Amino acid sequence: MAGHAGVEYASAAGNDYPAHEQTYRSFLTLVKSVLAAIVVIVILLAIFLG
């Protein structure tokens, strides 16, 4: 029968929170840029195909 010990959690050594924040801000900037490009494309489609 297998022996079951307590639950072990892996943890990262050296939590780099500033790098995490920068990655998140870059992601938000990318999402906003892509959303703005999609809005422009939809508006242009409405103008030229409508």
PDB file of N, CA and C in Angstrom:
ATOM      1  N   MET A   1       0.835  -1.171   0.000  1.00  0.00           N
ATOM      2  CA  MET A   1       0.000   0.000   0.000  1.00  0.00           C
ATOM      3  C   MET A   1       0.888   1.245   0.000  1.00  0.00           C
ATOM      4  N   ALA A   2       0.495   2.260  -0.759  1.00  0.00           N
ATOM      5  CA  ALA A   2       1.305   3.470  -0.891  1.00  0.00           C
ATOM      6  C   ALA A   2       1.164   4.332   0.351  1.00  0.00           C
ATOM      7  N   GLY A   3       2.284   4.871   0.767  1.00  0.00           N
ATOM      8  CA  GLY A   3       2.264   5.783   1.904  1.00  0.00           C
ATOM      9  C   GLY A   3       1.995   7.204   1.417  1.00  0.00           C
ATOM     10  N   HIS A   4       1.019   7.845   1.973  1.00  0.00           N
ATOM     11  CA  HIS A   4       0.656   9.192   1.552  1.00  0.00           C
ATOM     12  C   HIS A   4       1.074  10.190   2.627  1.00  0.00           C
ATOM     13  N   ALA A   5       2.005  11.034   2.246  1.00  0.00           N
ATOM     14  CA  ALA A   5       2.471  12.058   3.177  1.00  0.00           C
ATOM     15  C   ALA A   5       1.634  13.322   2.973  1.00  0.00           C
ATOM     16  N   GLY A   6       2.029  14.388   3.610  1.00  0.00           N
ATOM     17  CA  GLY A   6       1.329  15.664   3.449  1.00  0.00           C
ATOM     18  C   GLY A   6       1.519  16.222   2.046  1.00  0.00           C
ATOM     19  N   VAL A   7       0.700  17.136   1.694  1.00  0.00           N
ATOM     20  CA  VAL A   7       0.754  17.756   0.372  1.00  0.00           C
ATOM     21  C   VAL A   7       1.977  18.649   0.292  1.00  0.00           C
ATOM     22  N   GLU A   8       2.737  18.519  -0.799  1.00  0.00           N
ATOM     23  CA  GLU A   8       3.907  19.352  -1.006  1.00  0.00           C
ATOM     24  C   GLU A   8       3.625  20.320  -2.150  1.00  0.00           C
ATOM     25  N   TYR A   9       3.915  21.579  -1.939  1.00  0.00           N
ATOM     26  CA  TYR A   9       3.701  22.601  -2.953  1.00  0.00           C
ATOM     27  C   TYR A   9       5.049  23.078  -3.478  1.00  0.00           C
ATOM     28  N   ALA A  10       5.145  23.170  -4.792  1.00  0.00           N
ATOM     29  CA  ALA A  10       6.363  23.707  -5.389  1.00  0.00           C
ATOM     30  C   ALA A  10       6.322  25.225  -5.274  1.00  0.00           C
ATOM     31  N   SER A  11       7.445  25.814  -5.000  1.00  0.00           N
ATOM     32  CA  SER A  11       7.491  27.270  -4.920  1.00  0.00           C
ATOM     33  C   SER A  11       8.689  27.762  -5.705  1.00  0.00           C
ATOM     34  N   ALA A  12       8.519  28.886  -6.346  1.00  0.00           N
ATOM     35  CA  ALA A  12       9.594  29.466  -7.131  1.00  0.00           C
ATOM     36  C   ALA A  12      10.558  30.193  -6.200  1.00  0.00           C
ATOM     37  N   ALA A  13      11.809  29.998  -6.478  1.00  0.00           N
ATOM     38  CA  ALA A  13      12.819  30.700  -5.683  1.00  0.00           C
ATOM     39  C   ALA A  13      13.001  32.099  -6.256  1.00  0.00           C
ATOM     40  N   GLY A  14      12.895  33.103  -5.442  1.00  0.00           N
ATOM     41  CA  GLY A  14      13.115  34.472  -5.888  1.00  0.00           C
ATOM     42  C   GLY A  14      11.935  35.017  -6.671  1.00  0.00           C
ATOM     43  N   ASN A  15      10.890  35.401  -6.010  1.00  0.00           N
ATOM     44  CA  ASN A  15       9.709  35.959  -6.666  1.00  0.00           C
ATOM     45  C   ASN A  15      10.056  37.318  -7.260  1.00  0.00           C
ATOM     46  N   ASP A  16       9.963  37.436  -8.580  1.00  0.00           N
ATOM     47  CA  ASP A  16      10.342  38.662  -9.282  1.00  0.00           C
ATOM     48  C   ASP A  16       9.084  39.466  -9.613  1.00  0.00           C
ATOM     49  N   TYR A  17       8.536  40.123  -8.601  1.00  0.00           N
ATOM     50  CA  TYR A  17       7.274  40.838  -8.761  1.00  0.00           C
ATOM     51  C   TYR A  17       7.350  42.007  -9.746  1.00  0.00           C
ATOM     52  N   PRO A  18       8.409  42.813  -9.776  1.00  0.00           N
ATOM     53  CA  PRO A  18       8.483  43.894 -10.774  1.00  0.00           C
ATOM     54  C   PRO A  18       8.440  43.371 -12.209  1.00  0.00           C
ATOM     55  N   ALA A  19       9.073  42.244 -12.466  1.00  0.00           N
ATOM     56  CA  ALA A  19       9.025  41.665 -13.812  1.00  0.00           C
ATOM     57  C   ALA A  19       7.605  41.194 -14.134  1.00  0.00           C
ATOM     58  N   HIS A  20       6.918  40.662 -13.150  1.00  0.00           N
ATOM     59  CA  HIS A  20       5.530  40.233 -13.329  1.00  0.00           C
ATOM     60  C   HIS A  20       4.648  41.433 -13.674  1.00  0.00           C
ATOM     61  N   GLU A  21       4.826  42.525 -12.943  1.00  0.00           N
ATOM     62  CA  GLU A  21       4.030  43.734 -13.213  1.00  0.00           C
ATOM     63  C   GLU A  21       4.303  44.282 -14.606  1.00  0.00           C
ATOM     64  N   GLN A  22       5.557  44.279 -15.040  1.00  0.00           N
ATOM     65  CA  GLN A  22       5.909  44.782 -16.366  1.00  0.00           C
ATOM     66  C   GLN A  22       5.293  43.904 -17.453  1.00  0.00           C
ATOM     67  N   THR A  23       5.311  42.597 -17.259  1.00  0.00           N
ATOM     68  CA  THR A  23       4.707  41.683 -18.220  1.00  0.00           C
ATOM     69  C   THR A  23       3.205  41.929 -18.307  1.00  0.00           C
ATOM     70  N   TYR A  24       2.562  42.130 -17.168  1.00  0.00           N
ATOM     71  CA  TYR A  24       1.128  42.380 -17.144  1.00  0.00           C
ATOM     72  C   TYR A  24       0.788  43.699 -17.841  1.00  0.00           C
ATOM     73  N   ARG A  25       1.578  44.739 -17.589  1.00  0.00           N
ATOM     74  CA  ARG A  25       1.342  46.032 -18.247  1.00  0.00           C
ATOM     75  C   ARG A  25       1.555  45.920 -19.755  1.00  0.00           C
ATOM     76  N   SER A  26       2.554  45.169 -20.165  1.00  0.00           N
ATOM     77  CA  SER A  26       2.791  44.960 -21.598  1.00  0.00           C
ATOM     78  C   SER A  26       1.629  44.204 -22.235  1.00  0.00           C
ATOM     79  N   PHE A  27       1.108  43.217 -21.529  1.00  0.00           N
ATOM     80  CA  PHE A  27      -0.041  42.462 -22.015  1.00  0.00           C
ATOM     81  C   PHE A  27      -1.259  43.367 -22.179  1.00  0.00           C
ATOM     82  N   LEU A  28      -1.513  44.225 -21.195  1.00  0.00           N
ATOM     83  CA  LEU A  28      -2.654  45.138 -21.285  1.00  0.00           C
ATOM     84  C   LEU A  28      -2.486  46.115 -22.445  1.00  0.00           C
ATOM     85  N   THR A  29      -1.276  46.602 -22.660  1.00  0.00           N
ATOM     86  CA  THR A  29      -1.010  47.500 -23.780  1.00  0.00           C
ATOM     87  C   THR A  29      -1.266  46.786 -25.099  1.00  0.00           C
ATOM     88  N   LEU A  30      -0.833  45.548 -25.209  1.00  0.00           N
ATOM     89  CA  LEU A  30      -1.060  44.763 -26.421  1.00  0.00           C
ATOM     90  C   LEU A  30      -2.551  44.553 -26.667  1.00  0.00           C
ATOM     91  N   VAL A  31      -3.294  44.213 -25.626  1.00  0.00           N
ATOM     92  CA  VAL A  31      -4.734  43.996 -25.763  1.00  0.00           C
ATOM     93  C   VAL A  31      -5.433  45.275 -26.208  1.00  0.00           C
ATOM     94  N   LYS A  32      -5.070  46.402 -25.623  1.00  0.00           N
ATOM     95  CA  LYS A  32      -5.676  47.680 -26.000  1.00  0.00           C
ATOM     96  C   LYS A  32      -5.356  48.034 -27.452  1.00  0.00           C
ATOM     97  N   SER A  33      -4.129  47.783 -27.871  1.00  0.00           N
ATOM     98  CA  SER A  33      -3.724  48.084 -29.249  1.00  0.00           C
ATOM     99  C   SER A  33      -4.483  47.219 -30.253  1.00  0.00           C
ATOM    100  N   VAL A  34      -4.582  45.942 -29.967  1.00  0.00           N
ATOM    101  CA  VAL A  34      -5.300  45.035 -30.861  1.00  0.00           C
ATOM    102  C   VAL A  34      -6.780  45.398 -30.905  1.00  0.00           C
ATOM    103  N   LEU A  35      -7.354  45.734 -29.772  1.00  0.00           N
ATOM    104  CA  LEU A  35      -8.761  46.128 -29.734  1.00  0.00           C
ATOM    105  C   LEU A  35      -8.989  47.400 -30.544  1.00  0.00           C
ATOM    106  N   ALA A  36      -8.096  48.366 -30.431  1.00  0.00           N
ATOM    107  CA  ALA A  36      -8.218  49.602 -31.202  1.00  0.00           C
ATOM    108  C   ALA A  36      -8.109  49.307 -32.697  1.00  0.00           C
ATOM    109  N   ALA A  37      -7.204  48.424 -33.089  1.00  0.00           N
ATOM    110  CA  ALA A  37      -7.064  48.065 -34.505  1.00  0.00           C
ATOM    111  C   ALA A  37      -8.328  47.388 -35.023  1.00  0.00           C
ATOM    112  N   ILE A  38      -8.917  46.527 -34.221  1.00  0.00           N
ATOM    113  CA  ILE A  38     -10.156  45.857 -34.633  1.00  0.00           C
ATOM    114  C   ILE A  38     -11.280  46.866 -34.800  1.00  0.00           C
ATOM    115  N   VAL A  39     -11.385  47.818 -33.884  1.00  0.00           N
ATOM    116  CA  VAL A  39     -12.424  48.855 -33.982  1.00  0.00           C
ATOM    117  C   VAL A  39     -12.236  49.668 -35.258  1.00  0.00           C
ATOM    118  N   VAL A  40     -11.004  50.038 -35.574  1.00  0.00           N
ATOM    119  CA  VAL A  40     -10.728  50.801 -36.797  1.00  0.00           C
ATOM    120  C   VAL A  40     -11.119  49.987 -38.022  1.00  0.00           C
ATOM    121  N   ILE A  41     -10.783  48.716 -38.044  1.00  0.00           N
ATOM    122  CA  ILE A  41     -11.144  47.860 -39.183  1.00  0.00           C
ATOM    123  C   ILE A  41     -12.646  47.768 -39.337  1.00  0.00           C
ATOM    124  N   VAL A  42     -13.362  47.602 -38.243  1.00  0.00           N
ATOM    125  CA  VAL A  42     -14.829  47.504 -38.314  1.00  0.00           C
ATOM    126  C   VAL A  42     -15.428  48.814 -38.815  1.00  0.00           C
ATOM    127  N   ILE A  43     -14.907  49.935 -38.362  1.00  0.00           N
ATOM    128  CA  ILE A  43     -15.401  51.233 -38.820  1.00  0.00           C
ATOM    129  C   ILE A  43     -15.140  51.403 -40.311  1.00  0.00           C
ATOM    130  N   LEU A  44     -13.943  51.037 -40.762  1.00  0.00           N
ATOM    131  CA  LEU A  44     -13.637  51.139 -42.182  1.00  0.00           C
ATOM    132  C   LEU A  44     -14.515  50.213 -43.022  1.00  0.00           C
ATOM    133  N   LEU A  45     -14.795  49.035 -42.516  1.00  0.00           N
ATOM    134  CA  LEU A  45     -15.700  48.120 -43.220  1.00  0.00           C
ATOM    135  C   LEU A  45     -17.102  48.725 -43.321  1.00  0.00           C
ATOM    136  N   ALA A  46     -17.545  49.358 -42.255  1.00  0.00           N
ATOM    137  CA  ALA A  46     -18.882  49.977 -42.253  1.00  0.00           C
ATOM    138  C   ALA A  46     -18.934  51.134 -43.258  1.00  0.00           C
ATOM    139  N   ILE A  47     -17.859  51.899 -43.369  1.00  0.00           N
ATOM    140  CA  ILE A  47     -17.839  53.043 -44.272  1.00  0.00           C
ATOM    141  C   ILE A  47     -17.789  52.589 -45.731  1.00  0.00           C
ATOM    142  N   PHE A  48     -16.859  51.687 -46.039  1.00  0.00           N
ATOM    143  CA  PHE A  48     -16.626  51.334 -47.439  1.00  0.00           C
ATOM    144  C   PHE A  48     -17.529  50.207 -47.963  1.00  0.00           C
ATOM    145  N   LEU A  49     -18.105  49.419 -47.097  1.00  0.00           N
ATOM    146  CA  LEU A  49     -18.974  48.338 -47.553  1.00  0.00           C
ATOM    147  C   LEU A  49     -20.439  48.601 -47.208  1.00  0.00           C
ATOM    148  N   GLY A  50     -20.705  49.674 -46.521  1.00  0.00           N
ATOM    149  CA  GLY A  50     -22.064  49.944 -46.072  1.00  0.00           C
ATOM    150  C   GLY A  50     -22.795  50.823 -46.951  1.00  0.00           C
TER     151      GLY A  50
END
